[in-house]
Amino acid sequence: MNGKKIGFWLVCGIALVLVGGCMEQGNRAASSPDLEQAHVETNAVPEGFDLEHQPYMGEPNAQVKIVEFSDYKCPACKRWKDEVLTELKKEYLDTGAAVFYYVDFPFLAPDSNFAALAGESLYQQNQEFFWAYFDLMMEHQGAKDEAWANKDFIMKLVKENIPDVDMKTFEQDLEERKYIENVKRDFMIGENHQVGGTPTIFINGQAVEDISFEGIRTVIDNL
């Protein structure tokens, strides 16, 4: 990694710490051992956010498109979900005024990648399974520095709380790392949009600096 890129990640890190986001140096994110990303081949990464392949809530034809890059292990992502996304859902998503997309940016630890892989595997079965999983992972989020998002934890969580999941297929997909390419593509989309940490929010393709509910409402009102 060259000096300019290291400098970029460090600057992003300082900024994100100031607003309460999760941040690690980019070289850790790019060399995640669990997914062996260096050995995962992907097709050309889309210029945009690849929205047609991302889980969403709200009206997909809405003019307001909100995109979050997130890591299941990020405490700031949990706070943002609880304090901001909940309000956005009531005011904009449930009313059809906006659509919200989730994009994986697993960078905090190897089990961040496993959590993302599990979410992607459930999404391939049924988008409703994905959102149930998303809520459960945030509700039961462990310490950032502990490897809690492992196979045993996730399999138990899904089996006990999302009964319609085909558990045999789910486990097989995890064992085979079937959707690794999807997770890596999401991560590379984030890199292409200069995402330096989580949560990072875009509205209609533009990064949002103030990701509080009021900050996002202001952006939407001024569109």
Protein backbone atom coordinates (compact mmCIF):
# COMPACT_ATOMS: atom_id res chain seq x y z
CA MET A 1 0.00 0.00 0.00
CA ASN A 2 1.51 3.33 -1.03
CA GLY A 3 1.93 6.35 1.19
CA LYS A 4 -0.93 8.31 -0.35
CA LYS A 5 -3.45 5.54 0.33
CA ILE A 6 -2.24 5.06 3.90
CA GLY A 7 -2.56 8.80 4.40
CA PHE A 8 -6.09 8.75 3.03
CA TRP A 9 -7.19 5.98 5.40
CA LEU A 10 -5.62 7.74 8.39
CA VAL A 11 -7.35 11.02 7.58
CA CYS A 12 -10.67 9.20 7.20
CA GLY A 13 -10.03 7.45 10.49
CA ILE A 14 -9.52 10.69 12.40
CA ALA A 15 -12.68 12.19 10.88
CA LEU A 16 -14.80 9.15 11.62
CA VAL A 17 -13.61 8.87 15.20
CA LEU A 18 -14.70 12.45 15.70
CA VAL A 19 -18.25 11.65 14.56
CA GLY A 20 -18.42 8.38 16.48
CA GLY A 21 -17.84 5.96 13.61
CA CYS A 22 -15.79 2.77 13.59
CA MET A 23 -12.41 2.98 11.91
CA GLU A 24 -9.29 0.91 11.43
CA GLN A 25 -6.40 1.47 9.06
CA GLY A 26 -7.28 0.44 5.54
CA ASN A 27 -4.51 -2.15 5.24
CA ARG A 28 -6.26 -4.27 7.87
CA ALA A 29 -9.52 -4.06 5.95
CA ALA A 30 -7.91 -5.07 2.68
CA SER A 31 -6.19 -8.19 3.99
CA SER A 32 -8.95 -9.98 5.84
CA PRO A 33 -7.78 -13.58 6.38
CA ASP A 34 -11.19 -15.17 6.81
CA LEU A 35 -12.30 -14.43 3.27
CA GLU A 36 -8.79 -14.57 1.76
CA GLN A 37 -9.84 -11.64 -0.36
CA ALA A 38 -6.58 -11.53 -2.26
CA HIS A 39 -7.52 -14.89 -3.80
CA VAL A 40 -11.17 -14.07 -4.51
CA GLU A 41 -11.79 -13.09 -8.10
CA THR A 42 -14.63 -10.72 -8.92
CA ASN A 43 -16.19 -9.43 -12.07
CA ALA A 44 -15.77 -5.77 -12.91
CA VAL A 45 -16.87 -3.65 -9.97
CA PRO A 46 -19.83 -1.40 -10.87
CA GLU A 47 -19.28 2.34 -10.92
CA GLY A 48 -22.37 2.84 -8.80
CA PHE A 49 -23.60 0.96 -5.73
CA ASP A 50 -24.91 -2.15 -7.54
CA LEU A 51 -28.31 -1.41 -6.02
CA GLU A 52 -30.13 -4.12 -7.95
CA HIS A 53 -28.14 -6.69 -5.94
CA GLN A 54 -28.43 -5.06 -2.50
CA PRO A 55 -31.10 -5.70 0.16
CA TYR A 56 -33.47 -2.79 0.52
CA MET A 57 -36.31 -1.40 2.62
CA GLY A 58 -38.90 1.05 1.34
CA GLU A 59 -40.11 1.92 -2.12
CA PRO A 60 -37.50 0.89 -4.73
CA ASN A 61 -38.85 3.46 -7.19
CA ALA A 62 -38.57 6.33 -4.70
CA GLN A 63 -36.56 9.35 -5.77
CA VAL A 64 -34.65 9.39 -2.47
CA LYS A 65 -32.12 6.58 -2.27
CA ILE A 66 -30.23 6.11 1.00
CA VAL A 67 -27.22 3.77 1.05
CA GLU A 68 -25.39 2.60 4.17
CA PHE A 69 -21.99 0.90 4.23
CA SER A 70 -21.88 -1.10 7.43
CA ASP A 71 -20.03 -3.70 9.50
CA TYR A 72 -22.06 -5.95 11.82
CA LYS A 73 -19.39 -5.59 14.52
CA CYS A 74 -19.36 -1.80 14.47
CA PRO A 75 -20.85 -0.26 17.64
CA ALA A 76 -21.54 3.01 15.82
CA CYS A 77 -23.54 1.07 13.21
CA LYS A 78 -25.73 -0.35 15.96
CA ARG A 79 -26.28 3.12 17.40
CA TRP A 80 -27.09 4.50 13.96
CA LYS A 81 -29.55 1.67 13.33
CA ASP A 82 -31.26 2.16 16.70
CA GLU A 83 -31.31 5.95 16.75
CA VAL A 84 -31.46 7.01 13.08
CA LEU A 85 -32.59 4.18 10.81
CA THR A 86 -35.56 3.50 13.08
CA GLU A 87 -36.74 7.08 12.60
CA LEU A 88 -35.98 7.07 8.88
CA LYS A 89 -38.09 3.94 8.52
CA LYS A 90 -41.09 5.59 10.17
CA GLU A 91 -40.87 8.87 8.29
CA TYR A 92 -39.49 7.93 4.89
CA LEU A 93 -39.30 4.18 4.23
CA ASP A 94 -42.72 3.06 5.48
CA THR A 95 -44.37 5.99 3.69
CA GLY A 96 -42.76 5.21 0.34
CA ALA A 97 -40.84 8.50 0.29
CA ALA A 98 -37.42 6.83 0.25
CA VAL A 99 -35.62 3.53 -0.16
CA PHE A 100 -32.76 2.30 2.01
CA TYR A 101 -30.02 -0.07 0.82
CA TYR A 102 -27.52 -2.00 2.94
CA VAL A 103 -24.01 -2.60 1.56
CA ASP A 104 -21.40 -4.69 3.37
CA PHE A 105 -18.12 -3.05 4.34
CA PRO A 106 -16.58 -5.70 6.64
CA PHE A 107 -13.25 -4.40 7.87
CA LEU A 108 -13.02 -4.59 11.64
CA ALA A 109 -12.06 -8.27 12.00
CA PRO A 110 -12.17 -11.64 10.23
CA ASP A 111 -15.53 -12.44 11.80
CA SER A 112 -16.90 -9.22 10.31
CA ASN A 113 -16.44 -10.94 6.98
CA PHE A 114 -18.10 -14.13 8.19
CA ALA A 115 -21.08 -12.12 9.44
CA ALA A 116 -21.33 -10.39 6.07
CA LEU A 117 -21.10 -13.74 4.29
CA ALA A 118 -23.94 -15.11 6.43
CA GLY A 119 -26.09 -12.08 5.66
CA GLU A 120 -25.44 -12.43 1.95
CA SER A 121 -26.28 -16.14 2.08
CA LEU A 122 -29.61 -15.43 3.78
CA TYR A 123 -30.37 -12.64 1.31
CA GLN A 124 -29.96 -15.14 -1.52
CA GLN A 125 -32.66 -17.27 0.10
CA ASN A 126 -35.11 -14.49 0.89
CA GLN A 127 -34.72 -10.76 1.48
CA GLU A 128 -36.99 -11.03 4.55
CA PHE A 129 -34.48 -13.45 6.09
CA PHE A 130 -31.76 -10.87 5.55
CA TRP A 131 -33.59 -8.10 7.39
CA ALA A 132 -34.49 -10.41 10.26
CA TYR A 133 -30.80 -11.34 10.48
CA PHE A 134 -29.74 -7.69 10.32
CA ASP A 135 -31.99 -6.82 13.27
CA LEU A 136 -30.83 -9.84 15.27
CA MET A 137 -27.13 -9.17 14.70
CA MET A 138 -27.49 -5.57 15.83
CA GLU A 139 -29.63 -6.56 18.82
CA HIS A 140 -27.14 -9.23 19.95
CA GLN A 141 -23.95 -7.41 18.93
CA GLY A 142 -20.95 -8.42 21.03
CA ALA A 143 -17.78 -6.54 21.85
CA LYS A 144 -15.92 -5.18 18.84
CA ASP A 145 -12.64 -6.75 19.96
CA GLU A 146 -14.08 -10.23 20.54
CA ALA A 147 -14.59 -12.81 17.78
CA TRP A 148 -18.26 -13.34 18.63
CA ALA A 149 -19.68 -13.38 15.06
CA ASN A 150 -18.59 -16.95 14.43
CA LYS A 151 -20.37 -19.88 12.83
CA ASP A 152 -21.72 -21.40 16.05
CA PHE A 153 -23.19 -18.10 17.21
CA ILE A 154 -24.75 -17.24 13.86
CA MET A 155 -26.16 -20.69 13.16
CA LYS A 156 -27.80 -20.78 16.61
CA LEU A 157 -29.14 -17.24 16.23
CA VAL A 158 -30.70 -17.97 12.85
CA LYS A 159 -32.08 -21.39 13.79
CA GLU A 160 -33.79 -20.09 16.92
CA ASN A 161 -35.16 -16.87 15.45
CA ILE A 162 -35.77 -17.28 11.70
CA PRO A 163 -37.54 -20.64 11.50
CA ASP A 164 -38.30 -20.58 7.77
CA VAL A 165 -34.63 -20.51 6.74
CA ASP A 166 -33.41 -23.64 4.95
CA MET A 167 -30.69 -24.36 7.50
CA LYS A 168 -29.07 -27.13 5.48
CA THR A 169 -28.60 -24.84 2.48
CA PHE A 170 -27.51 -21.99 4.72
CA GLU A 171 -24.80 -24.05 6.40
CA GLN A 172 -23.62 -25.49 3.11
CA ASP A 173 -23.39 -22.02 1.57
CA LEU A 174 -21.31 -20.87 4.54
CA GLU A 175 -19.01 -23.89 4.40
CA GLU A 176 -18.45 -23.41 0.67
CA ARG A 177 -18.10 -19.61 1.02
CA LYS A 178 -20.53 -19.54 -1.88
CA TYR A 179 -21.12 -15.79 -1.87
CA ILE A 180 -17.63 -14.55 -1.04
CA GLU A 181 -17.46 -12.75 -4.36
CA ASN A 182 -20.58 -10.75 -3.50
CA VAL A 183 -19.09 -9.64 -0.19
CA LYS A 184 -15.80 -8.67 -1.77
CA ARG A 185 -17.59 -6.76 -4.51
CA ASP A 186 -19.47 -4.75 -1.89
CA PHE A 187 -16.22 -3.98 -0.12
CA MET A 188 -14.59 -2.85 -3.36
CA ILE A 189 -17.60 -0.68 -4.18
CA GLY A 190 -16.99 0.99 -0.84
CA GLU A 191 -13.33 1.51 -1.64
CA ASN A 192 -14.27 2.99 -5.01
CA HIS A 193 -16.47 5.51 -3.17
CA GLN A 194 -13.69 6.31 -0.67
CA VAL A 195 -15.49 4.73 2.26
CA GLY A 196 -13.06 4.79 5.16
CA GLY A 197 -15.16 3.37 7.98
CA THR A 198 -18.68 2.62 9.15
CA PRO A 199 -21.38 3.71 9.12
CA THR A 200 -20.96 5.72 5.94
CA ILE A 201 -24.14 7.09 4.38
CA PHE A 202 -24.88 8.25 0.85
CA ILE A 203 -28.04 9.92 -0.38
CA ASN A 204 -28.62 9.92 -4.12
CA GLY A 205 -24.96 9.15 -4.66
CA GLN A 206 -23.54 11.89 -2.42
CA ALA A 207 -21.77 11.21 0.88
CA VAL A 208 -23.55 12.66 3.92
CA GLU A 209 -21.39 14.41 6.50
CA ASP A 210 -23.96 14.74 9.29
CA ILE A 211 -25.52 11.27 9.57
CA SER A 212 -27.84 12.14 12.46
CA PHE A 213 -31.56 11.95 11.74
CA GLU A 214 -31.80 15.72 11.55
CA GLY A 215 -28.76 15.89 9.29
CA ILE A 216 -30.21 13.34 6.90
CA ARG A 217 -33.64 14.99 6.96
CA THR A 218 -31.98 18.27 6.01
CA VAL A 219 -30.27 16.65 3.05
CA ILE A 220 -33.53 15.04 1.89
CA ASP A 221 -35.50 18.28 2.29
CA ASN A 222 -32.95 20.11 0.16
CA LEU A 223 -32.99 17.65 -2.74
